[in-house]
Amino acid sequence: MPKKIVINRCYGGFSLSETAKNMYKQATAHIQRPPHWFLNTDVSRDDPVLVQIVEIMGVQAASGGFSQLAIVEIPDDVAADGWIIQDYDGVEWVAEKHRTWPGENP
């Protein structure tokens, strides 16, 4: 079964609507966290709870003020830690991790 990941597809950056944030907090209330822990960056993008909330609400209703959420599926053969979210000015995509090294200075 492909892994689902929530990303942002417009300039601005990833954010959830207040309703989506509240649903996430309520669904994960059993997890011990410090008070006022929630920031959009505190949520793992492949968290099944987050994915389910976005699927139930729909991407438009779950998106924050300057975001346009989307759910991306990556193939089964990508390792659990073999992917990263990359972005340009807030527009995001999922990329498979690979190794890179700096070249010699020009």
PDB file of N, CA and C in Angstrom:
ATOM      1  N   MET A   1       0.849  -1.185   0.000  1.00  0.00           N
ATOM      2  CA  MET A   1       0.000   0.000   0.000  1.00  0.00           C
ATOM      3  C   MET A   1       0.890   1.243   0.000  1.00  0.00           C
ATOM      4  N   PRO A   2       0.715   2.143  -0.941  1.00  0.00           N
ATOM      5  CA  PRO A   2       1.560   3.339  -1.016  1.00  0.00           C
ATOM      6  C   PRO A   2       1.419   4.210   0.229  1.00  0.00           C
ATOM      7  N   LYS A   3       2.496   4.870   0.612  1.00  0.00           N
ATOM      8  CA  LYS A   3       2.483   5.804   1.743  1.00  0.00           C
ATOM      9  C   LYS A   3       1.891   7.118   1.267  1.00  0.00           C
ATOM     10  N   LYS A   4       1.038   7.711   2.110  1.00  0.00           N
ATOM     11  CA  LYS A   4       0.429   9.003   1.802  1.00  0.00           C
ATOM     12  C   LYS A   4       1.106  10.090   2.621  1.00  0.00           C
ATOM     13  N   ILE A   5       1.371  11.225   1.962  1.00  0.00           N
ATOM     14  CA  ILE A   5       2.061  12.355   2.576  1.00  0.00           C
ATOM     15  C   ILE A   5       1.307  13.629   2.214  1.00  0.00           C
ATOM     16  N   VAL A   6       1.092  14.500   3.202  1.00  0.00           N
ATOM     17  CA  VAL A   6       0.394  15.770   2.968  1.00  0.00           C
ATOM     18  C   VAL A   6       1.429  16.851   2.692  1.00  0.00           C
ATOM     19  N   ILE A   7       1.251  17.562   1.570  1.00  0.00           N
ATOM     20  CA  ILE A   7       2.170  18.642   1.197  1.00  0.00           C
ATOM     21  C   ILE A   7       1.361  19.884   0.803  1.00  0.00           C
ATOM     22  N   ASN A   8       2.073  20.983   0.633  1.00  0.00           N
ATOM     23  CA  ASN A   8       1.476  22.228   0.163  1.00  0.00           C
ATOM     24  C   ASN A   8       1.827  22.431  -1.309  1.00  0.00           C
ATOM     25  N   ARG A   9       0.870  22.839  -2.116  1.00  0.00           N
ATOM     26  CA  ARG A   9       1.097  22.984  -3.556  1.00  0.00           C
ATOM     27  C   ARG A   9       0.985  24.421  -4.055  1.00  0.00           C
ATOM     28  N   CYS A  10       1.116  25.412  -3.174  1.00  0.00           N
ATOM     29  CA  CYS A  10       1.106  26.796  -3.656  1.00  0.00           C
ATOM     30  C   CYS A  10       2.151  27.595  -2.883  1.00  0.00           C
ATOM     31  N   TYR A  11       2.484  28.776  -3.404  1.00  0.00           N
ATOM     32  CA  TYR A  11       3.434  29.642  -2.721  1.00  0.00           C
ATOM     33  C   TYR A  11       2.863  30.052  -1.374  1.00  0.00           C
ATOM     34  N   GLY A  12       3.689  30.105  -0.381  1.00  0.00           N
ATOM     35  CA  GLY A  12       3.256  30.519   0.944  1.00  0.00           C
ATOM     36  C   GLY A  12       3.728  29.567   2.021  1.00  0.00           C
ATOM     37  N   GLY A  13       3.437  28.304   1.891  1.00  0.00           N
ATOM     38  CA  GLY A  13       3.895  27.337   2.870  1.00  0.00           C
ATOM     39  C   GLY A  13       2.783  26.504   3.463  1.00  0.00           C
ATOM     40  N   PHE A  14       3.171  25.396   4.055  1.00  0.00           N
ATOM     41  CA  PHE A  14       2.240  24.448   4.643  1.00  0.00           C
ATOM     42  C   PHE A  14       1.571  25.030   5.877  1.00  0.00           C
ATOM     43  N   SER A  15       0.260  24.933   5.930  1.00  0.00           N
ATOM     44  CA  SER A  15      -0.473  25.264   7.150  1.00  0.00           C
ATOM     45  C   SER A  15      -1.840  24.598   7.091  1.00  0.00           C
ATOM     46  N   LEU A  16      -2.366  24.347   8.279  1.00  0.00           N
ATOM     47  CA  LEU A  16      -3.684  23.735   8.409  1.00  0.00           C
ATOM     48  C   LEU A  16      -4.702  24.787   8.819  1.00  0.00           C
ATOM     49  N   SER A  17      -5.939  24.580   8.444  1.00  0.00           N
ATOM     50  CA  SER A  17      -7.019  25.455   8.900  1.00  0.00           C
ATOM     51  C   SER A  17      -7.200  25.244  10.401  1.00  0.00           C
ATOM     52  N   GLU A  18      -7.846  26.175  11.070  1.00  0.00           N
ATOM     53  CA  GLU A  18      -8.089  26.046  12.512  1.00  0.00           C
ATOM     54  C   GLU A  18      -8.916  24.800  12.805  1.00  0.00           C
ATOM     55  N   THR A  19      -9.877  24.505  11.951  1.00  0.00           N
ATOM     56  CA  THR A  19     -10.706  23.311  12.152  1.00  0.00           C
ATOM     57  C   THR A  19      -9.857  22.050  12.060  1.00  0.00           C
ATOM     58  N   ALA A  20      -8.972  21.983  11.064  1.00  0.00           N
ATOM     59  CA  ALA A  20      -8.099  20.817  10.910  1.00  0.00           C
ATOM     60  C   ALA A  20      -7.148  20.693  12.100  1.00  0.00           C
ATOM     61  N   LYS A  21      -6.601  21.821  12.576  1.00  0.00           N
ATOM     62  CA  LYS A  21      -5.721  21.796  13.745  1.00  0.00           C
ATOM     63  C   LYS A  21      -6.466  21.234  14.958  1.00  0.00           C
ATOM     64  N   ASN A  22      -7.678  21.724  15.174  1.00  0.00           N
ATOM     65  CA  ASN A  22      -8.461  21.267  16.318  1.00  0.00           C
ATOM     66  C   ASN A  22      -8.799  19.787  16.216  1.00  0.00           C
ATOM     67  N   MET A  23      -9.139  19.328  15.018  1.00  0.00           N
ATOM     68  CA  MET A  23      -9.415  17.907  14.828  1.00  0.00           C
ATOM     69  C   MET A  23      -8.172  17.074  15.123  1.00  0.00           C
ATOM     70  N   TYR A  24      -7.009  17.543  14.675  1.00  0.00           N
ATOM     71  CA  TYR A  24      -5.765  16.819  14.911  1.00  0.00           C
ATOM     72  C   TYR A  24      -5.450  16.773  16.401  1.00  0.00           C
ATOM     73  N   LYS A  25      -5.569  17.916  17.071  1.00  0.00           N
ATOM     74  CA  LYS A  25      -5.299  17.956  18.509  1.00  0.00           C
ATOM     75  C   LYS A  25      -6.222  17.010  19.263  1.00  0.00           C
ATOM     76  N   GLN A  26      -7.495  17.015  18.890  1.00  0.00           N
ATOM     77  CA  GLN A  26      -8.463  16.154  19.563  1.00  0.00           C
ATOM     78  C   GLN A  26      -8.159  14.673  19.299  1.00  0.00           C
ATOM     79  N   ALA A  27      -7.826  14.341  18.060  1.00  0.00           N
ATOM     80  CA  ALA A  27      -7.557  12.942  17.698  1.00  0.00           C
ATOM     81  C   ALA A  27      -6.277  12.416  18.334  1.00  0.00           C
ATOM     82  N   THR A  28      -5.370  13.309  18.680  1.00  0.00           N
ATOM     83  CA  THR A  28      -4.092  12.880  19.262  1.00  0.00           C
ATOM     84  C   THR A  28      -3.965  13.328  20.718  1.00  0.00           C
ATOM     85  N   ALA A  29      -5.063  13.620  21.363  1.00  0.00           N
ATOM     86  CA  ALA A  29      -5.051  14.132  22.746  1.00  0.00           C
ATOM     87  C   ALA A  29      -4.429  13.143  23.727  1.00  0.00           C
ATOM     88  N   HIS A  30      -4.440  11.868  23.396  1.00  0.00           N
ATOM     89  CA  HIS A  30      -3.874  10.847  24.280  1.00  0.00           C
ATOM     90  C   HIS A  30      -2.344  10.879  24.324  1.00  0.00           C
ATOM     91  N   ILE A  31      -1.720  11.620  23.418  1.00  0.00           N
ATOM     92  CA  ILE A  31      -0.257  11.719  23.378  1.00  0.00           C
ATOM     93  C   ILE A  31       0.178  12.868  24.277  1.00  0.00           C
ATOM     94  N   GLN A  32       1.099  12.596  25.204  1.00  0.00           N
ATOM     95  CA  GLN A  32       1.571  13.627  26.128  1.00  0.00           C
ATOM     96  C   GLN A  32       2.423  14.659  25.391  1.00  0.00           C
ATOM     97  N   ARG A  33       2.040  15.914  25.533  1.00  0.00           N
ATOM     98  CA  ARG A  33       2.799  17.010  24.923  1.00  0.00           C
ATOM     99  C   ARG A  33       2.781  18.202  25.867  1.00  0.00           C
ATOM    100  N   PRO A  34       3.749  19.097  25.723  1.00  0.00           N
ATOM    101  CA  PRO A  34       3.718  20.307  26.550  1.00  0.00           C
ATOM    102  C   PRO A  34       2.561  21.210  26.119  1.00  0.00           C
ATOM    103  N   PRO A  35       2.078  22.066  27.014  1.00  0.00           N
ATOM    104  CA  PRO A  35       1.011  22.996  26.620  1.00  0.00           C
ATOM    105  C   PRO A  35       1.478  23.868  25.451  1.00  0.00           C
ATOM    106  N   HIS A  36       0.555  24.228  24.626  1.00  0.00           N
ATOM    107  CA  HIS A  36       0.813  25.113  23.471  1.00  0.00           C
ATOM    108  C   HIS A  36       1.869  24.538  22.536  1.00  0.00           C
ATOM    109  N   TRP A  37       1.866  23.237  22.344  1.00  0.00           N
ATOM    110  CA  TRP A  37       2.873  22.572  21.520  1.00  0.00           C
ATOM    111  C   TRP A  37       2.643  22.747  20.038  1.00  0.00           C
ATOM    112  N   PHE A  38       1.422  23.043  19.606  1.00  0.00           N
ATOM    113  CA  PHE A  38       1.096  22.911  18.196  1.00  0.00           C
ATOM    114  C   PHE A  38       1.611  24.053  17.335  1.00  0.00           C
ATOM    115  N   LEU A  39       2.424  23.692  16.388  1.00  0.00           N
ATOM    116  CA  LEU A  39       2.801  24.543  15.266  1.00  0.00           C
ATOM    117  C   LEU A  39       2.616  23.678  14.035  1.00  0.00           C
ATOM    118  N   ASN A  40       2.429  24.272  12.888  1.00  0.00           N
ATOM    119  CA  ASN A  40       2.258  23.473  11.672  1.00  0.00           C
ATOM    120  C   ASN A  40       3.447  22.559  11.424  1.00  0.00           C
ATOM    121  N   THR A  41       4.623  22.965  11.913  1.00  0.00           N
ATOM    122  CA  THR A  41       5.819  22.147  11.717  1.00  0.00           C
ATOM    123  C   THR A  41       5.925  20.994  12.711  1.00  0.00           C
ATOM    124  N   ASP A  42       5.031  20.951  13.708  1.00  0.00           N
ATOM    125  CA  ASP A  42       5.057  19.889  14.714  1.00  0.00           C
ATOM    126  C   ASP A  42       4.401  18.599  14.233  1.00  0.00           C
ATOM    127  N   VAL A  43       3.741  18.646  13.109  1.00  0.00           N
ATOM    128  CA  VAL A  43       2.989  17.500  12.616  1.00  0.00           C
ATOM    129  C   VAL A  43       3.804  16.761  11.562  1.00  0.00           C
ATOM    130  N   SER A  44       3.941  15.452  11.754  1.00  0.00           N
ATOM    131  CA  SER A  44       4.616  14.636  10.749  1.00  0.00           C
ATOM    132  C   SER A  44       3.701  14.510   9.538  1.00  0.00           C
ATOM    133  N   ARG A  45       4.187  14.834   8.370  1.00  0.00           N
ATOM    134  CA  ARG A  45       3.357  14.901   7.175  1.00  0.00           C
ATOM    135  C   ARG A  45       2.821  13.562   6.726  1.00  0.00           C
ATOM    136  N   ASP A  46       3.431  12.464   7.194  1.00  0.00           N
ATOM    137  CA  ASP A  46       2.923  11.146   6.840  1.00  0.00           C
ATOM    138  C   ASP A  46       2.131  10.526   7.993  1.00  0.00           C
ATOM    139  N   ASP A  47       1.811  11.327   9.003  1.00  0.00           N
ATOM    140  CA  ASP A  47       1.011  10.854  10.131  1.00  0.00           C
ATOM    141  C   ASP A  47      -0.353  10.398   9.610  1.00  0.00           C
ATOM    142  N   PRO A  48      -0.720   9.142   9.837  1.00  0.00           N
ATOM    143  CA  PRO A  48      -2.006   8.646   9.341  1.00  0.00           C
ATOM    144  C   PRO A  48      -3.199   9.451   9.840  1.00  0.00           C
ATOM    145  N   VAL A  49      -3.094  10.030  11.047  1.00  0.00           N
ATOM    146  CA  VAL A  49      -4.186  10.864  11.576  1.00  0.00           C
ATOM    147  C   VAL A  49      -4.321  12.119  10.723  1.00  0.00           C
ATOM    148  N   LEU A  50      -3.204  12.762  10.413  1.00  0.00           N
ATOM    149  CA  LEU A  50      -3.236  13.964   9.570  1.00  0.00           C
ATOM    150  C   LEU A  50      -3.801  13.636   8.195  1.00  0.00           C
ATOM    151  N   VAL A  51      -3.325  12.575   7.589  1.00  0.00           N
ATOM    152  CA  VAL A  51      -3.799  12.189   6.256  1.00  0.00           C
ATOM    153  C   VAL A  51      -5.302  11.943   6.289  1.00  0.00           C
ATOM    154  N   GLN A  52      -5.777  11.245   7.309  1.00  0.00           N
ATOM    155  CA  GLN A  52      -7.204  10.947   7.410  1.00  0.00           C
ATOM    156  C   GLN A  52      -8.029  12.222   7.574  1.00  0.00           C
ATOM    157  N   ILE A  53      -7.564  13.159   8.377  1.00  0.00           N
ATOM    158  CA  ILE A  53      -8.284  14.419   8.559  1.00  0.00           C
ATOM    159  C   ILE A  53      -8.382  15.178   7.237  1.00  0.00           C
ATOM    160  N   VAL A  54      -7.286  15.251   6.498  1.00  0.00           N
ATOM    161  CA  VAL A  54      -7.302  15.952   5.209  1.00  0.00           C
ATOM    162  C   VAL A  54      -8.225  15.228   4.228  1.00  0.00           C
ATOM    163  N   GLU A  55      -8.222  13.903   4.243  1.00  0.00           N
ATOM    164  CA  GLU A  55      -9.119  13.148   3.361  1.00  0.00           C
ATOM    165  C   GLU A  55     -10.581  13.376   3.731  1.00  0.00           C
ATOM    166  N   ILE A  56     -10.880  13.381   5.015  1.00  0.00           N
ATOM    167  CA  ILE A  56     -12.271  13.562   5.461  1.00  0.00           C
ATOM    168  C   ILE A  56     -12.757  14.980   5.189  1.00  0.00           C
ATOM    169  N   MET A  57     -11.947  15.974   5.550  1.00  0.00           N
ATOM    170  CA  MET A  57     -12.343  17.371   5.370  1.00  0.00           C
ATOM    171  C   MET A  57     -12.296  17.803   3.908  1.00  0.00           C
ATOM    172  N   GLY A  58     -11.382  17.211   3.164  1.00  0.00           N
ATOM    173  CA  GLY A  58     -11.095  17.676   1.817  1.00  0.00           C
ATOM    174  C   GLY A  58      -9.945  18.663   1.888  1.00  0.00           C
ATOM    175  N   VAL A  59      -9.157  18.701   0.826  1.00  0.00           N
ATOM    176  CA  VAL A  59      -7.945  19.522   0.852  1.00  0.00           C
ATOM    177  C   VAL A  59      -8.247  21.009   0.990  1.00  0.00           C
ATOM    178  N   GLN A  60      -9.339  21.457   0.416  1.00  0.00           N
ATOM    179  CA  GLN A  60      -9.649  22.887   0.488  1.00  0.00           C
ATOM    180  C   GLN A  60      -9.998  23.307   1.912  1.00  0.00           C
ATOM    181  N   ALA A  61     -10.845  22.526   2.591  1.00  0.00           N
ATOM    182  CA  ALA A  61     -11.267  22.869   3.952  1.00  0.00           C
ATOM    183  C   ALA A  61     -10.138  22.680   4.959  1.00  0.00           C
ATOM    184  N   ALA A  62      -9.228  21.756   4.714  1.00  0.00           N
ATOM    185  CA  ALA A  62      -8.132  21.493   5.647  1.00  0.00           C
ATOM    186  C   ALA A  62      -6.967  22.462   5.471  1.00  0.00           C
ATOM    187  N   SER A  63      -6.916  23.170   4.349  1.00  0.00           N
ATOM    188  CA  SER A  63      -5.801  24.077   4.051  1.00  0.00           C
ATOM    189  C   SER A  63      -5.888  25.349   4.875  1.00  0.00           C
ATOM    190  N   GLY A  64      -4.720  25.813   5.345  1.00  0.00           N
ATOM    191  CA  GLY A  64      -4.645  27.084   6.055  1.00  0.00           C
ATOM    192  C   GLY A  64      -4.751  28.252   5.089  1.00  0.00           C
ATOM    193  N   GLY A  65      -4.651  29.464   5.635  1.00  0.00           N
ATOM    194  CA  GLY A  65      -4.869  30.688   4.877  1.00  0.00           C
ATOM    195  C   GLY A  65      -4.100  30.835   3.584  1.00  0.00           C
ATOM    196  N   PHE A  66      -2.828  30.525   3.586  1.00  0.00           N
ATOM    197  CA  PHE A  66      -2.008  30.690   2.385  1.00  0.00           C
ATOM    198  C   PHE A  66      -1.428  29.358   1.937  1.00  0.00           C
ATOM    199  N   SER A  67      -2.248  28.325   1.999  1.00  0.00           N
ATOM    200  CA  SER A  67      -1.786  27.012   1.565  1.00  0.00           C
ATOM    201  C   SER A  67      -2.847  26.329   0.725  1.00  0.00           C
ATOM    202  N   GLN A  68      -2.409  25.361  -0.035  1.00  0.00           N
ATOM    203  CA  GLN A  68      -3.283  24.521  -0.860  1.00  0.00           C
ATOM    204  C   GLN A  68      -2.757  23.099  -0.693  1.00  0.00           C
ATOM    205  N   LEU A  69      -3.339  22.386   0.254  1.00  0.00           N
ATOM    206  CA  LEU A  69      -2.847  21.061   0.580  1.00  0.00           C
ATOM    207  C   LEU A  69      -3.153  20.052  -0.513  1.00  0.00           C
ATOM    208  N   ALA A  70      -2.331  19.024  -0.554  1.00  0.00           N
ATOM    209  CA  ALA A  70      -2.520  17.896  -1.462  1.00  0.00           C
ATOM    210  C   ALA A  70      -1.987  16.658  -0.757  1.00  0.00           C
ATOM    211  N   ILE A  71      -2.515  15.512  -1.137  1.00  0.00           N
ATOM    212  CA  ILE A  71      -2.012  14.245  -0.618  1.00  0.00           C
ATOM    213  C   ILE A  71      -1.288  13.550  -1.757  1.00  0.00           C
ATOM    214  N   VAL A  72      -0.017  13.233  -1.498  1.00  0.00           N
ATOM    215  CA  VAL A  72       0.826  12.570  -2.482  1.00  0.00           C
ATOM    216  C   VAL A  72       1.049  11.140  -2.021  1.00  0.00           C
ATOM    217  N   GLU A  73       1.001  10.204  -2.949  1.00  0.00           N
ATOM    218  CA  GLU A  73       1.301   8.811  -2.637  1.00  0.00           C
ATOM    219  C   GLU A  73       2.666   8.462  -3.220  1.00  0.00           C
ATOM    220  N   ILE A  74       3.495   7.844  -2.371  1.00  0.00           N
ATOM    221  CA  ILE A  74       4.793   7.389  -2.860  1.00  0.00           C
ATOM    222  C   ILE A  74       4.790   5.865  -2.903  1.00  0.00           C
ATOM    223  N   PRO A  75       5.556   5.278  -3.797  1.00  0.00           N
ATOM    224  CA  PRO A  75       5.542   3.825  -3.983  1.00  0.00           C
ATOM    225  C   PRO A  75       6.000   3.056  -2.740  1.00  0.00           C
ATOM    226  N   ASP A  76       5.540   1.824  -2.664  1.00  0.00           N
ATOM    227  CA  ASP A  76       5.894   0.929  -1.555  1.00  0.00           C
ATOM    228  C   ASP A  76       7.388   0.670  -1.445  1.00  0.00           C
ATOM    229  N   ASP A  77       8.096   0.712  -2.567  1.00  0.00           N
ATOM    230  CA  ASP A  77       9.508   0.347  -2.528  1.00  0.00           C
ATOM    231  C   ASP A  77      10.416   1.468  -2.008  1.00  0.00           C
ATOM    232  N   VAL A  78       9.843   2.624  -1.638  1.00  0.00           N
ATOM    233  CA  VAL A  78      10.630   3.697  -1.038  1.00  0.00           C
ATOM    234  C   VAL A  78      10.710   3.423   0.463  1.00  0.00           C
ATOM    235  N   ALA A  79      11.917   3.409   0.999  1.00  0.00           N
ATOM    236  CA  ALA A  79      12.118   3.121   2.418  1.00  0.00           C
ATOM    237  C   ALA A  79      11.373   4.128   3.289  1.00  0.00           C
ATOM    238  N   ALA A  80      11.023   3.702   4.500  1.00  0.00           N
ATOM    239  CA  ALA A  80      10.277   4.559   5.425  1.00  0.00           C
ATOM    240  C   ALA A  80      10.992   5.891   5.655  1.00  0.00           C
ATOM    241  N   ASP A  81      12.304   5.879   5.695  1.00  0.00           N
ATOM    242  CA  ASP A  81      13.069   7.111   5.873  1.00  0.00           C
ATOM    243  C   ASP A  81      13.760   7.532   4.572  1.00  0.00           C
ATOM    244  N   GLY A  82      13.265   7.056   3.448  1.00  0.00           N
ATOM    245  CA  GLY A  82      13.908   7.300   2.169  1.00  0.00           C
ATOM    246  C   GLY A  82      13.329   8.444   1.369  1.00  0.00           C
ATOM    247  N   TRP A  83      12.544   9.300   2.009  1.00  0.00           N
ATOM    248  CA  TRP A  83      11.935  10.419   1.291  1.00  0.00           C
ATOM    249  C   TRP A  83      12.063  11.696   2.121  1.00  0.00           C
ATOM    250  N   ILE A  84      11.999  12.827   1.435  1.00  0.00           N
ATOM    251  CA  ILE A  84      12.012  14.133   2.093  1.00  0.00           C
ATOM    252  C   ILE A  84      11.039  15.046   1.356  1.00  0.00           C
ATOM    253  N   ILE A  85      10.607  16.075   2.051  1.00  0.00           N
ATOM    254  CA  ILE A  85       9.786  17.115   1.420  1.00  0.00           C
ATOM    255  C   ILE A  85      10.724  18.260   1.069  1.00  0.00           C
ATOM    256  N   GLN A  86      10.713  18.650  -0.193  1.00  0.00           N
ATOM    257  CA  GLN A  86      11.501  19.788  -0.647  1.00  0.00           C
ATOM    258  C   GLN A  86      10.540  20.891  -1.060  1.00  0.00           C
ATOM    259  N   ASP A  87      11.036  22.119  -1.119  1.00  0.00           N
ATOM    260  CA  ASP A  87      10.144  23.212  -1.512  1.00  0.00           C
ATOM    261  C   ASP A  87      10.901  24.340  -2.188  1.00  0.00           C
ATOM    262  N   TYR A  88      10.138  25.138  -2.878  1.00  0.00           N
ATOM    263  CA  TYR A  88      10.622  26.380  -3.450  1.00  0.00           C
ATOM    264  C   TYR A  88       9.575  27.438  -3.133  1.00  0.00           C
ATOM    265  N   ASP A  89       9.911  28.407  -2.292  1.00  0.00           N
ATOM    266  CA  ASP A  89       8.987  29.460  -1.864  1.00  0.00           C
ATOM    267  C   ASP A  89       7.673  28.903  -1.324  1.00  0.00           C
ATOM    268  N   GLY A  90       7.736  27.761  -0.672  1.00  0.00           N
ATOM    269  CA  GLY A  90       6.545  27.180  -0.062  1.00  0.00           C
ATOM    270  C   GLY A  90       5.845  26.132  -0.885  1.00  0.00           C
ATOM    271  N   VAL A  91       6.087  26.095  -2.191  1.00  0.00           N
ATOM    272  CA  VAL A  91       5.507  25.043  -3.036  1.00  0.00           C
ATOM    273  C   VAL A  91       6.327  23.779  -2.788  1.00  0.00           C
ATOM    274  N   GLU A  92       5.650  22.714  -2.372  1.00  0.00           N
ATOM    275  CA  GLU A  92       6.364  21.512  -1.946  1.00  0.00           C
ATOM    276  C   GLU A  92       6.176  20.340  -2.900  1.00  0.00           C
ATOM    277  N   TRP A  93       7.137  19.413  -2.836  1.00  0.00           N
ATOM    278  CA  TRP A  93       7.045  18.137  -3.526  1.00  0.00           C
ATOM    279  C   TRP A  93       7.814  17.126  -2.695  1.00  0.00           C
ATOM    280  N   VAL A  94       7.548  15.865  -2.930  1.00  0.00           N
ATOM    281  CA  VAL A  94       8.235  14.795  -2.213  1.00  0.00           C
ATOM    282  C   VAL A  94       9.324  14.252  -3.124  1.00  0.00           C
ATOM    283  N   ALA A  95      10.520  14.095  -2.567  1.00  0.00           N
ATOM    284  CA  ALA A  95      11.651  13.577  -3.328  1.00  0.00           C
ATOM    285  C   ALA A  95      12.251  12.394  -2.582  1.00  0.00           C
ATOM    286  N   GLU A  96      12.757  11.463  -3.328  1.00  0.00           N
ATOM    287  CA  GLU A  96      13.449  10.347  -2.728  1.00  0.00           C
ATOM    288  C   GLU A  96      14.828  10.819  -2.273  1.00  0.00           C
ATOM    289  N   LYS A  97      15.223  10.444  -1.061  1.00  0.00           N
ATOM    290  CA  LYS A  97      16.538  10.837  -0.548  1.00  0.00           C
ATOM    291  C   LYS A  97      17.632  10.162  -1.365  1.00  0.00           C
ATOM    292  N   HIS A  98      18.712  10.852  -1.513  1.00  0.00           N
ATOM    293  CA  HIS A  98      19.887  10.270  -2.146  1.00  0.00           C
ATOM    294  C   HIS A  98      21.113  10.931  -1.535  1.00  0.00           C
ATOM    295  N   ARG A  99      22.255  10.385  -1.806  1.00  0.00           N
ATOM    296  CA  ARG A  99      23.475  10.923  -1.226  1.00  0.00           C
ATOM    297  C   ARG A  99      24.090  11.951  -2.156  1.00  0.00           C
ATOM    298  N   THR A 100      24.566  13.036  -1.557  1.00  0.00           N
ATOM    299  CA  THR A 100      25.284  14.041  -2.327  1.00  0.00           C
ATOM    300  C   THR A 100      26.513  14.483  -1.535  1.00  0.00           C
ATOM    301  N   TRP A 101      27.535  14.916  -2.225  1.00  0.00           N
ATOM    302  CA  TRP A 101      28.734  15.427  -1.604  1.00  0.00           C
ATOM    303  C   TRP A 101      29.095  16.705  -2.315  1.00  0.00           C
ATOM    304  N   PRO A 102      29.703  17.631  -1.597  1.00  0.00           N
ATOM    305  CA  PRO A 102      30.123  18.858  -2.295  1.00  0.00           C
ATOM    306  C   PRO A 102      31.254  18.550  -3.273  1.00  0.00           C
ATOM    307  N   GLY A 103      31.205  19.201  -4.391  1.00  0.00           N
ATOM    308  CA  GLY A 103      32.286  19.064  -5.357  1.00  0.00           C
ATOM    309  C   GLY A 103      33.444  19.980  -4.973  1.00  0.00           C
ATOM    310  N   GLU A 104      34.449  19.984  -5.784  1.00  0.00           N
ATOM    311  CA  GLU A 104      35.577  20.888  -5.524  1.00  0.00           C
ATOM    312  C   GLU A 104      35.151  22.304  -5.813  1.00  0.00           C
ATOM    313  N   ASN A 105      35.798  23.246  -5.130  1.00  0.00           N
ATOM    314  CA  ASN A 105      35.500  24.661  -5.357  1.00  0.00           C
ATOM    315  C   ASN A 105      35.922  25.029  -6.779  1.00  0.00           C
ATOM    316  N   PRO A 106      35.113  25.849  -7.440  1.00  0.00           N
ATOM    317  CA  PRO A 106      35.476  26.252  -8.806  1.00  0.00           C
ATOM    318  C   PRO A 106      36.732  27.088  -8.860  1.00  0.00           C
TER     319      PRO A 106
END
